[in-house]
Structure formats: structure tokens, C-alpha cells
Amino acid sequence: MNIPITKIGEFGLIERFRKQLKTDSSVIVGSGDDCAVLEFNRDNYLLFTCDTIIEGIDFSGKTLPYLVGRKSLATSLSDIAACAGKARYALVTIGLPKKSSLRKIEEISRGIFDLAKKYQVNIVGGDISRAKQLFIDTSVLGTVEKKALVLRKGAKKGDIIFVSGKLGGSIKGKHLEFTPRIKEARFLVKNFKLNSMIDISDGLIQDLAHILKQSCAGAFLYEELIPLARQASGIDDALYAGEDFELLFTLPLDEARKLNAMKKKFPFWPIGEIVEQKYGLRLVDKKGKDKILKIKGFRHF
């Protein structure tokens, strides 16, 4: 059937592809999480992820080339962080308009290489192609200890929901200069038992909905607890705008209390709790009234 992809949307399209995927026993987790998880050795898994950023969608023609390059790698590093791993290797593919200047390309490369050096990522190759508009695709391979792996599924009733930073207003600059939360994720899994985790790329509500769907759970969020960035225009901006690239994770109440006691190490904010699936996803406002939240956020189609 010749159906426009806008009719089924981004996630409907992904689901159609997922139904066709056939994998062998070496694939521990395939499509549907922040990274694919692959068998590696007795103690570790491989993490494999990729991201594409495109001019006019993820950055503008006026964005500093250095920041374009930096963002291209940072988005994939954020996926590695969401699974509590360490990034090791990357392939970078760049599509360039014919009239691109050498100076611009060198600045893009510098943005990629500087971030790679900071996170000890080896750039091991890639591809260059002519394109109508600039795009960059990065594929990153990482590792995670089997006992440390955290996925989207696993949230349990009674879990406390946390975020690793303030939300909203990312379009005013953070989406280009955010810090992939690898260090924070590693701190968490070394000191606490996390039940689920994702990075906030498409908006707090949409990404929390991924956790809830895969965990067969519901959630209450508390408006007064959600930390707003200085650039945020309001609570809706924090809930739906996306590209904050903060960690969103859940852990049992006892673990949450321990985490709060160590908040001087890293700032983490409790924003809600996991409840039974029948309650859906709700926001409790500052007057104590709750409402069901519409599941929305950034979608390509």
C-alpha cells in the first residue's frame, strides 16, 4: 500500500522495520533501546549505536561548524551513557554540499576530534559523500560490564524517577553544547542499583513513555520538583521540548535515599515515582491536582 509515512509516524515506521529484524543469539538487545547490546566476553557486553544530524533539522546553516561537529559525536555518546557504558570507537560519515569550504570542514572535524579526545574515543574511519545539505552520521562502539548494564525496561512500582540536570530551553544553545553524561552514569551504576534509564533527546514525557511502555508501568510526575533551566519558557518546555540530553532513570526508594545523601557529588533531581500501569502518565501540579499527560515530543514524521 502506498501510504505516506506521515500517516504512521516515526515510531510506527520504526516498528514496521523492527518486525522484519531477525537476529542470532549474539544479540542481547536489538532495536528498541538507546544502544544495541551484543555479546562480547565473559564480563562485558558491546554497545553499538548511531545518530544522524542534518542541517535544517538538528542545526541551522548559521551554527558554528565546530559545534556541529561536536554535537554529531555527543548525541551518540549520550546513548552510550544511557546504557551506563564507556565509549571506545567511532565511525563518522559526512555528507557535504559541493560548495562547502575546506575551512568549514576542518572546523567540523575539530569539534569531533576535541570531544573524542575528551572521552577517549578512537575515530577509526568513516565515509565522505556529496549531499544537497550537510549531514553527519556517527556510529559508536562501547563496552559495559554485564552487571552494570541498564536498559529502558526494568522500572518497578515504587521506583523514584530522577533526572541528571535542569530541563527546557535547549534550543537556546544547550542542544549544541551539552555534556554527554557518561561520567554521571558510571558513578550511578558503581554506587547504586538502577532499574531503568534513557537519555532525554525527544522530550521528558516522550522518553519517559518509552520506559513506561517497556516496563509495563505508569508514573506520577510532580511539577514542583521538575528542575527548570534558566532558559526554559515554562513547564511545558521542560516536559516536551527535548534535546536536553540529560539522563532519566529510576531506582528503588532505599537507593533513592542514598543518592540524595550523596548529591554533593553530582546534582540529581527526583521528579516523580513509578506506579501501576493503570494510572498512565500523570502530572501533579503545584496545587496537588493531577492530570493525564499527552504523550508527545519531537518526532521526525
Protein backbone atom coordinates (compact mmCIF):
# COMPACT_ATOMS: atom_id res chain seq x y z
CA MET A 1 0.00 0.00 0.00
CA ASN A 2 1.29 3.46 -0.94
CA ILE A 3 0.75 5.11 2.47
CA PRO A 4 2.56 8.41 3.28
CA ILE A 5 4.94 7.87 6.20
CA THR A 6 3.35 10.85 7.94
CA LYS A 7 0.27 8.66 8.42
CA ILE A 8 2.10 6.13 10.58
CA GLY A 9 4.69 8.48 12.09
CA GLU A 10 8.29 7.96 13.14
CA PHE A 11 7.64 5.28 15.75
CA GLY A 12 5.14 3.45 13.57
CA LEU A 13 7.77 3.31 10.83
CA ILE A 14 10.39 2.03 13.26
CA GLU A 15 8.01 -0.66 14.46
CA ARG A 16 7.41 -1.85 10.89
CA PHE A 17 11.17 -2.24 10.42
CA ARG A 18 11.57 -3.97 13.79
CA LYS A 19 9.11 -6.70 12.84
CA GLN A 20 11.39 -7.65 9.96
CA LEU A 21 14.58 -7.87 12.05
CA LYS A 22 15.98 -11.34 12.65
CA THR A 23 18.99 -11.68 14.94
CA ASP A 24 21.03 -14.54 16.36
CA SER A 25 21.91 -15.35 19.97
CA SER A 26 24.86 -12.93 19.98
CA VAL A 27 22.38 -10.03 20.05
CA ILE A 28 21.30 -9.50 23.65
CA VAL A 29 19.23 -6.39 22.90
CA GLY A 30 18.45 -5.25 19.36
CA SER A 31 16.28 -2.38 18.15
CA GLY A 32 14.24 -0.57 20.77
CA ASP A 33 16.75 0.78 23.28
CA ASP A 34 19.40 3.51 23.27
CA CYS A 35 22.06 1.03 22.14
CA ALA A 36 22.15 -2.43 20.69
CA VAL A 37 23.71 -4.78 23.25
CA LEU A 38 25.96 -7.50 21.83
CA GLU A 39 27.73 -10.47 23.38
CA PHE A 40 31.46 -9.78 23.83
CA ASN A 41 33.26 -11.69 26.57
CA ARG A 42 32.60 -13.25 29.95
CA ASP A 43 32.35 -9.96 31.84
CA ASN A 44 31.37 -7.34 29.26
CA TYR A 45 28.86 -6.52 26.55
CA LEU A 46 29.47 -4.42 23.45
CA LEU A 47 27.24 -1.36 22.98
CA PHE A 48 26.53 -0.19 19.43
CA THR A 49 24.67 2.98 18.47
CA CYS A 50 24.41 5.54 15.66
CA ASP A 51 22.93 9.00 15.21
CA THR A 52 22.49 11.36 12.29
CA ILE A 53 22.26 15.14 12.46
CA ILE A 54 21.05 17.12 9.42
CA GLU A 55 21.25 20.79 8.52
CA GLY A 56 17.87 22.46 8.84
CA ILE A 57 16.64 19.91 11.40
CA ASP A 58 19.30 19.46 14.08
CA PHE A 59 21.26 22.67 13.42
CA SER A 60 21.00 25.68 11.14
CA GLY A 61 23.22 26.94 8.36
CA LYS A 62 24.39 29.64 10.76
CA THR A 63 25.50 27.23 13.50
CA LEU A 64 29.23 27.35 14.20
CA PRO A 65 30.81 24.39 12.34
CA TYR A 66 32.78 23.43 15.44
CA LEU A 67 29.54 22.96 17.38
CA VAL A 68 28.02 20.96 14.52
CA GLY A 69 30.92 18.52 14.69
CA ARG A 70 30.79 18.37 18.47
CA LYS A 71 27.05 17.63 18.51
CA SER A 72 27.38 14.87 15.93
CA LEU A 73 29.52 12.78 18.27
CA ALA A 74 27.93 13.95 21.52
CA THR A 75 24.49 12.57 20.58
CA SER A 76 25.90 9.06 20.21
CA LEU A 77 27.95 9.37 23.40
CA SER A 78 24.73 10.25 25.20
CA ASP A 79 23.24 6.93 24.03
CA ILE A 80 26.25 5.09 25.44
CA ALA A 81 25.72 6.94 28.74
CA ALA A 82 22.06 5.86 28.81
CA CYS A 83 23.20 2.23 28.96
CA ALA A 84 25.89 3.09 31.56
CA GLY A 85 28.74 2.22 29.21
CA LYS A 86 32.10 3.62 28.14
CA ALA A 87 32.59 4.74 24.53
CA ARG A 88 35.58 3.24 22.70
CA TYR A 89 35.44 3.60 18.90
CA ALA A 90 33.59 5.70 16.34
CA LEU A 91 32.99 5.84 12.59
CA VAL A 92 31.98 9.20 11.11
CA THR A 93 30.16 9.69 7.80
CA ILE A 94 29.81 13.22 6.42
CA GLY A 95 27.61 14.37 3.54
CA LEU A 96 28.83 17.66 2.04
CA PRO A 97 27.40 20.12 -0.48
CA LYS A 98 29.81 20.70 -3.39
CA LYS A 99 30.46 24.32 -2.44
CA SER A 100 31.50 23.55 1.15
CA SER A 101 34.69 25.35 2.18
CA LEU A 102 37.73 23.49 3.46
CA ARG A 103 37.87 25.78 6.49
CA LYS A 104 34.30 24.82 7.46
CA ILE A 105 35.05 21.11 7.18
CA GLU A 106 38.20 21.50 9.26
CA GLU A 107 36.20 23.22 12.00
CA ILE A 108 33.60 20.43 11.96
CA SER A 109 36.41 17.90 12.27
CA ARG A 110 37.97 19.83 15.13
CA GLY A 111 34.67 19.71 17.01
CA ILE A 112 34.50 15.94 16.56
CA PHE A 113 38.16 15.30 17.42
CA ASP A 114 38.18 17.52 20.51
CA LEU A 115 35.20 15.70 22.02
CA ALA A 116 36.64 12.31 21.02
CA LYS A 117 39.86 13.17 22.85
CA LYS A 118 37.98 14.26 25.97
CA TYR A 119 36.10 10.93 26.15
CA GLN A 120 38.98 8.78 24.91
CA VAL A 121 37.11 7.69 21.80
CA ASN A 122 39.12 6.40 18.83
CA ILE A 123 37.89 7.72 15.48
CA VAL A 124 38.70 4.70 13.30
CA GLY A 125 37.25 5.66 9.91
CA GLY A 126 34.08 6.61 8.11
CA ASP A 127 32.93 7.93 4.75
CA ILE A 128 32.54 11.18 2.83
CA SER A 129 29.80 11.74 0.27
CA ARG A 130 28.33 14.59 -1.77
CA ALA A 131 24.94 15.73 -0.49
CA LYS A 132 22.44 18.53 -1.06
CA GLN A 133 22.77 19.61 2.56
CA LEU A 134 25.28 18.93 5.30
CA PHE A 135 24.71 15.86 7.42
CA ILE A 136 26.87 13.82 9.78
CA ASP A 137 26.26 10.26 10.92
CA THR A 138 28.27 8.79 13.79
CA SER A 139 28.38 5.14 14.80
CA VAL A 140 29.88 4.45 18.22
CA LEU A 141 31.01 1.19 19.76
CA GLY A 142 31.35 0.97 23.53
CA THR A 143 31.57 -1.53 26.35
CA VAL A 144 29.70 -2.08 29.59
CA GLU A 145 30.12 -4.60 32.36
CA LYS A 146 27.32 -7.14 32.29
CA LYS A 147 26.42 -6.36 35.89
CA ALA A 148 26.28 -2.61 35.12
CA LEU A 149 24.06 -2.59 32.01
CA VAL A 150 20.89 -0.50 32.37
CA LEU A 151 18.08 -0.56 29.81
CA ARG A 152 14.78 1.25 29.29
CA LYS A 153 12.81 -1.72 30.60
CA GLY A 154 13.00 -2.61 34.27
CA ALA A 155 11.24 0.26 36.06
CA LYS A 156 9.28 -1.09 39.03
CA LYS A 157 6.36 0.15 41.12
CA GLY A 158 7.73 2.31 43.91
CA ASP A 159 10.81 3.42 41.97
CA ILE A 160 11.73 7.09 42.23
CA ILE A 161 12.26 8.91 38.92
CA PHE A 162 15.34 11.14 38.64
CA VAL A 163 16.92 13.43 36.06
CA SER A 164 20.58 14.42 35.88
CA GLY A 165 20.08 18.10 35.07
CA LYS A 166 17.73 21.00 34.55
CA LEU A 167 15.29 20.81 31.65
CA GLY A 168 13.92 23.10 28.95
CA GLY A 169 15.29 25.88 26.78
CA SER A 170 17.75 23.60 25.00
CA ILE A 171 17.08 25.26 21.65
CA LYS A 172 18.75 28.40 23.01
CA GLY A 173 22.14 26.71 22.97
CA LYS A 174 22.36 23.61 25.14
CA HIS A 175 21.44 21.25 22.28
CA LEU A 176 24.77 22.16 20.68
CA GLU A 177 26.98 22.23 23.77
CA PHE A 178 25.52 19.65 26.16
CA THR A 179 27.77 17.33 28.14
CA PRO A 180 27.19 13.60 27.49
CA ARG A 181 26.50 12.18 30.95
CA ILE A 182 28.90 9.25 30.75
CA LYS A 183 30.70 10.19 33.97
CA GLU A 184 27.40 10.56 35.83
CA ALA A 185 26.07 7.24 34.53
CA ARG A 186 29.23 5.42 35.56
CA PHE A 187 29.02 6.96 39.03
CA LEU A 188 25.43 5.79 39.35
CA VAL A 189 25.96 2.16 38.38
CA LYS A 190 29.07 1.85 40.55
CA ASN A 191 27.22 3.06 43.64
CA PHE A 192 23.52 2.28 43.18
CA LYS A 193 21.11 -0.26 41.77
CA LEU A 194 19.29 1.36 38.84
CA ASN A 195 16.25 -0.33 37.35
CA SER A 196 15.89 1.66 34.11
CA MET A 197 17.48 4.56 32.22
CA ILE A 198 17.22 6.58 28.99
CA ASP A 199 18.65 9.89 27.78
CA ILE A 200 16.25 12.77 27.12
CA SER A 201 16.55 13.51 23.42
CA ASP A 202 12.91 13.78 22.30
CA GLY A 203 11.45 15.34 25.44
CA LEU A 204 10.95 14.25 29.05
CA ILE A 205 7.42 12.94 28.51
CA GLN A 206 8.06 11.09 25.27
CA ASP A 207 11.23 9.46 26.60
CA LEU A 208 9.67 8.56 29.95
CA ALA A 209 6.84 6.97 27.96
CA HIS A 210 9.42 4.64 26.36
CA ILE A 211 10.47 3.45 29.82
CA LEU A 212 6.85 3.01 30.91
CA LYS A 213 5.85 1.10 27.80
CA GLN A 214 8.75 -1.33 28.04
CA SER A 215 8.33 -1.69 31.82
CA CYS A 216 4.52 -2.06 31.73
CA ALA A 217 4.23 0.73 34.29
CA GLY A 218 2.73 4.16 34.95
CA ALA A 219 4.16 7.28 36.57
CA PHE A 220 3.33 10.38 38.56
CA LEU A 221 5.49 13.46 37.99
CA TYR A 222 5.42 16.39 40.41
CA GLU A 223 5.55 19.81 38.80
CA GLU A 224 7.18 21.49 41.79
CA LEU A 225 10.09 19.01 41.67
CA ILE A 226 10.95 19.31 37.96
CA PRO A 227 14.09 21.48 37.68
CA LEU A 228 13.69 24.20 35.05
CA ALA A 229 16.70 25.52 33.19
CA ARG A 230 17.17 29.27 33.23
CA GLN A 231 16.40 29.36 29.50
CA ALA A 232 13.16 27.35 29.83
CA SER A 233 9.98 29.18 28.88
CA GLY A 234 7.89 27.18 31.36
CA ILE A 235 6.86 23.72 32.50
CA ASP A 236 5.63 22.63 29.04
CA ASP A 237 9.05 23.47 27.61
CA ALA A 238 10.68 21.21 30.20
CA LEU A 239 8.18 18.42 29.58
CA TYR A 240 8.12 18.36 25.80
CA ALA A 241 10.86 20.36 24.05
CA GLY A 242 13.63 17.76 24.08
CA GLU A 243 17.34 17.77 23.24
CA ASP A 244 18.30 18.23 26.89
CA PHE A 245 20.37 15.02 26.70
CA GLU A 246 20.10 14.52 30.45
CA LEU A 247 19.78 11.07 31.99
CA LEU A 248 16.30 9.98 33.04
CA PHE A 249 16.42 6.99 35.37
CA THR A 250 14.55 5.08 38.07
CA LEU A 251 15.75 3.31 41.19
CA PRO A 252 14.18 1.83 44.34
CA LEU A 253 13.23 4.12 47.23
CA ASP A 254 16.06 2.96 49.50
CA GLU A 255 18.57 3.60 46.72
CA ALA A 256 17.00 6.99 46.04
CA ARG A 257 17.51 8.00 49.65
CA LYS A 258 21.17 7.01 49.42
CA LEU A 259 21.52 9.01 46.20
CA ASN A 260 20.02 12.11 47.79
CA ALA A 261 22.51 11.79 50.62
CA MET A 262 25.36 11.91 48.07
CA LYS A 263 24.00 14.76 45.95
CA LYS A 264 27.12 16.86 46.51
CA LYS A 265 28.99 14.50 44.15
CA PHE A 266 26.64 15.09 41.22
CA PRO A 267 23.35 17.01 41.14
CA PHE A 268 20.42 14.65 40.54
CA TRP A 269 16.79 15.70 40.89
CA PRO A 270 13.92 13.39 41.98
CA ILE A 271 10.86 14.32 39.90
CA GLY A 272 8.31 11.54 40.40
CA GLU A 273 7.56 7.90 41.06
CA ILE A 274 6.67 4.74 39.18
CA VAL A 275 3.16 3.42 39.79
CA GLU A 276 0.89 0.74 38.36
CA GLN A 277 0.32 0.84 34.61
CA LYS A 278 -3.41 1.53 35.02
CA TYR A 279 -2.69 5.09 36.19
CA GLY A 280 -0.92 6.05 32.97
CA LEU A 281 1.44 9.04 32.99
CA ARG A 282 0.20 11.93 35.14
CA LEU A 283 1.44 15.33 36.29
CA VAL A 284 0.61 16.56 39.78
CA ASP A 285 0.52 20.37 39.70
CA LYS A 286 1.58 22.74 42.47
CA LYS A 287 -1.96 22.67 43.90
CA GLY A 288 -1.92 18.89 44.24
CA LYS A 289 -4.25 18.21 41.31
CA ASP A 290 -3.24 15.58 38.79
CA LYS A 291 -3.94 15.26 35.08
CA ILE A 292 -3.11 12.71 32.41
CA LEU A 293 -0.29 13.91 30.17
CA LYS A 294 -0.47 13.61 26.42
CA ILE A 295 2.45 11.59 25.07
CA LYS A 296 4.18 13.93 22.67
CA GLY A 297 7.62 15.32 21.91
CA PHE A 298 9.91 15.69 18.90
CA ARG A 299 9.14 13.33 16.03
CA HIS A 300 10.63 13.36 12.55
CA PHE A 301 7.33 12.40 10.91
